[in-house]
Protein backbone atom coordinates (compact mmCIF):
# COMPACT_ATOMS: atom_id res chain seq x y z
CA MET A 1 14.81 46.54 12.24
CA GLY A 2 16.88 49.55 13.34
CA SER A 3 17.00 51.25 9.94
CA ALA A 4 13.34 50.45 9.24
CA MET A 5 12.44 52.04 12.56
CA SER A 6 14.60 55.11 11.77
CA ASN A 7 12.91 55.51 8.38
CA PHE A 8 9.54 55.20 10.08
CA HIS A 9 10.34 58.01 12.50
CA GLN A 10 11.68 60.19 9.68
CA GLU A 11 8.46 59.72 7.69
CA LEU A 12 6.16 60.51 10.63
CA LYS A 13 5.22 64.20 10.37
CA PHE A 14 3.24 66.38 12.77
CA ASP A 15 1.15 69.33 11.58
CA PRO A 16 0.66 71.51 14.69
CA ASP A 17 -1.89 73.75 12.95
CA ARG A 18 -4.19 70.76 12.40
CA GLY A 19 -3.07 68.76 15.42
CA ALA A 20 -2.48 65.85 13.07
CA PHE A 21 0.17 63.17 12.50
CA PHE A 22 0.90 61.88 8.99
CA LEU A 23 2.85 58.83 7.90
CA ASN A 24 3.47 58.60 4.15
CA GLY A 25 0.68 61.10 3.62
CA LEU A 26 -1.88 59.11 5.62
CA ARG A 27 -3.28 60.62 8.80
CA HIS A 28 -2.68 58.66 12.00
CA ALA A 29 -3.90 59.19 15.54
CA PHE A 30 -2.19 57.88 18.62
CA LEU A 31 -4.51 55.84 20.78
CA ARG A 32 -3.39 54.06 23.91
CA PRO A 33 -4.13 50.33 23.92
CA GLU A 34 -6.06 50.77 27.17
CA THR A 35 -8.50 53.05 25.35
CA LEU A 36 -9.13 50.47 22.65
CA SER A 37 -9.44 47.79 25.34
CA GLU A 38 -12.16 49.79 27.11
CA ILE A 39 -14.01 50.24 23.81
CA GLN A 40 -13.69 46.49 23.16
CA LYS A 41 -14.98 45.58 26.63
CA GLY A 42 -17.92 47.97 26.24
CA VAL A 43 -18.90 46.47 22.90
CA GLU A 44 -18.50 42.96 24.37
CA ASP A 45 -20.90 43.92 27.16
CA ARG A 46 -23.49 44.84 24.54
CA LEU A 47 -22.85 42.27 21.81
CA GLY A 48 -21.12 39.38 23.54
CA SER A 49 -18.92 37.22 21.33
CA LYS A 50 -20.03 39.10 18.17
CA ALA A 51 -17.91 42.09 19.28
CA GLY A 52 -14.73 40.43 18.06
CA GLU A 53 -16.07 40.34 14.51
CA PHE A 54 -16.00 44.14 14.29
CA LEU A 55 -12.37 44.36 15.40
CA TYR A 56 -11.42 41.47 13.11
CA ALA A 57 -13.04 43.24 10.15
CA ALA A 58 -11.20 46.47 10.97
CA GLY A 59 -7.86 44.64 11.11
CA ALA A 60 -8.52 42.81 7.85
CA SER A 61 -9.52 46.03 6.11
CA TRP A 62 -6.35 47.75 7.36
CA ALA A 63 -4.13 44.87 6.15
CA ILE A 64 -5.69 44.70 2.68
CA ALA A 65 -5.40 48.46 2.17
CA ALA A 66 -1.81 48.48 3.48
CA LEU A 67 -0.87 45.65 1.09
CA GLN A 68 -2.38 47.59 -1.81
CA ARG A 69 -0.32 50.66 -0.87
CA LEU A 70 2.85 48.56 -0.53
CA HIS A 71 2.17 46.97 -3.92
CA ALA A 72 1.59 50.38 -5.51
CA ALA A 73 4.91 51.53 -4.02
CA GLY A 74 6.72 48.79 -5.91
CA ALA A 75 6.67 45.64 -3.77
CA SER A 76 5.56 42.75 -5.96
CA ASN A 77 6.61 39.47 -4.38
CA PRO A 78 4.01 38.09 -1.92
CA GLU A 79 6.70 37.19 0.63
CA VAL A 80 8.19 40.69 0.46
CA LEU A 81 4.72 42.20 0.77
CA LEU A 82 3.98 40.07 3.85
CA GLN A 83 7.31 40.95 5.46
CA SER A 84 6.74 44.66 4.72
CA LEU A 85 3.27 44.47 6.25
CA CYS A 86 4.69 42.82 9.39
CA THR A 87 7.34 45.55 9.63
CA LEU A 88 4.68 48.23 9.26
CA ALA A 89 2.46 46.71 11.97
CA THR A 90 5.50 46.35 14.24
CA ASN A 91 6.52 49.97 13.62
CA LEU A 92 3.00 51.10 14.51
CA GLY A 93 3.50 49.58 17.96
CA TRP A 94 1.14 46.63 17.53
CA GLY A 95 3.77 44.20 18.87
CA ARG A 96 6.61 42.51 16.99
CA PHE A 97 5.15 40.50 14.11
CA VAL A 98 7.15 37.38 13.22
CA VAL A 99 6.10 35.06 10.40
CA GLU A 100 6.50 31.56 11.83
CA SER A 101 5.28 29.54 8.87
CA TRP A 102 4.38 30.48 5.36
CA LYS A 103 2.78 28.10 2.89
CA PRO A 104 1.72 30.15 -0.12
CA ASP A 105 0.81 27.04 -2.13
CA ILE A 106 -1.97 26.09 0.34
CA PRO A 107 -2.35 29.21 1.30
CA LYS A 108 -1.71 29.19 5.04
CA MET A 109 0.44 31.13 7.48
CA SER A 110 1.21 31.46 11.14
CA VAL A 111 2.29 34.75 12.70
CA ARG A 112 3.57 35.26 16.25
CA VAL A 113 3.05 38.68 17.80
CA ILE A 114 5.45 39.34 20.63
CA GLY A 115 4.22 41.94 23.10
CA SER A 116 0.67 42.48 21.86
CA PRO A 117 -0.39 45.80 23.40
CA PHE A 118 -4.01 44.73 23.08
CA ALA A 119 -3.59 41.57 25.17
CA GLU A 120 -1.51 43.46 27.72
CA ALA A 121 -4.09 46.25 28.04
CA TYR A 122 -7.05 43.87 28.15
CA GLY A 123 -5.72 41.89 31.10
CA GLN A 124 -6.54 38.31 32.04
CA SER A 125 -9.16 36.58 29.90
CA ASP A 126 -10.56 33.09 29.44
CA SER A 127 -10.59 33.54 25.66
CA PRO A 128 -8.35 35.22 23.06
CA VAL A 129 -8.78 38.99 22.87
CA CYS A 130 -6.57 40.19 19.99
CA HIS A 131 -9.33 40.26 17.36
CA LEU A 132 -7.83 43.27 15.55
CA LEU A 133 -4.52 41.43 15.09
CA ALA A 134 -6.30 38.25 13.98
CA GLY A 135 -7.98 40.40 11.34
CA VAL A 136 -4.62 41.79 10.23
CA VAL A 137 -3.22 38.29 9.70
CA GLY A 138 -6.40 37.00 8.05
CA GLY A 139 -6.61 40.13 5.89
CA ALA A 140 -2.99 39.68 4.86
CA LEU A 141 -3.75 36.21 3.54
CA GLU A 142 -6.87 37.49 1.76
CA GLY A 143 -5.02 40.41 0.21
CA LEU A 144 -2.04 38.35 -0.92
CA PHE A 145 -3.94 35.48 -2.48
CA SER A 146 -7.44 36.75 -3.29
CA VAL A 147 -8.96 34.04 -1.12
CA MET A 148 -11.49 33.98 1.65
CA SER A 149 -9.58 33.60 4.89
CA ASN A 150 -10.17 32.55 8.44
CA CYS A 151 -7.72 33.38 11.18
CA ILE A 152 -7.77 32.09 14.73
CA GLU A 153 -5.71 33.21 17.66
CA SER A 154 -4.33 29.89 18.84
CA ALA A 155 -2.42 31.43 21.78
CA CYS A 156 -3.09 34.71 23.57
CA LYS A 157 -1.04 36.57 26.13
CA ALA A 158 -4.29 37.53 27.90
CA GLN A 159 -4.81 33.80 28.53
CA GLY A 160 -1.33 33.40 29.97
CA ALA A 161 0.61 32.47 26.83
CA ALA A 162 4.05 33.99 26.34
CA ASP A 163 2.99 35.52 23.00
CA CYS A 164 -0.03 35.70 20.74
CA VAL A 165 -0.06 33.31 17.78
CA PHE A 166 -2.36 33.63 14.78
CA VAL A 167 -3.03 30.92 12.21
CA ALA A 168 -4.72 31.93 8.97
CA SER A 169 -5.87 29.59 6.25
CA GLY A 170 -7.57 30.39 3.00
CA GLN A 171 -9.96 28.82 0.60
CA ASP A 172 -9.97 29.78 -3.06
CA VAL A 173 -13.59 30.56 -3.89
CA THR A 174 -12.89 32.49 -7.11
CA GLY A 175 -10.95 29.88 -9.03
CA LYS A 176 -7.88 32.12 -9.12
CA GLU A 177 -4.53 30.53 -8.50
CA ASN A 178 -2.52 33.75 -8.37
CA TRP A 179 -2.90 36.92 -6.39
CA GLY A 180 -3.05 40.37 -7.91
CA TRP A 181 -4.77 43.70 -8.01
């Protein structure tokens, strides 16, 4: 992880004239997890349980686009793509992503996120709160296998668990057996 983190910091560029950060040519903005948590709580106040769907969709969209960029950069093996995506999410400060189980033939996967900043910022909750990260894991499965995916957060630090655990499973609705772009 050390060299990957060093490369990450070398690739992060700041343009003081624009007040903008760029990583591999893509603009990034630093946002404290507490800020996102306040946005999430505000949307939950208005929309109730539907609020999580918006964060899930954002995470899935990010994962699919990131996988496409990784594939275009030369990664071709689904396992390598998944590991690269986990490294990228970890380097962005979204917690340490660890693939716990990987069953590409089903397709199904389980990912543990150690130190979710979203759960930590949200505080105590009766239900899982890391909808963005669930979307990342679900989107990863969708992007890798061209399947519809569902991802649940089976353990959440905001509920008192040690870490957040996400389980994604897919269903092939297109008849494809292989992934690809």
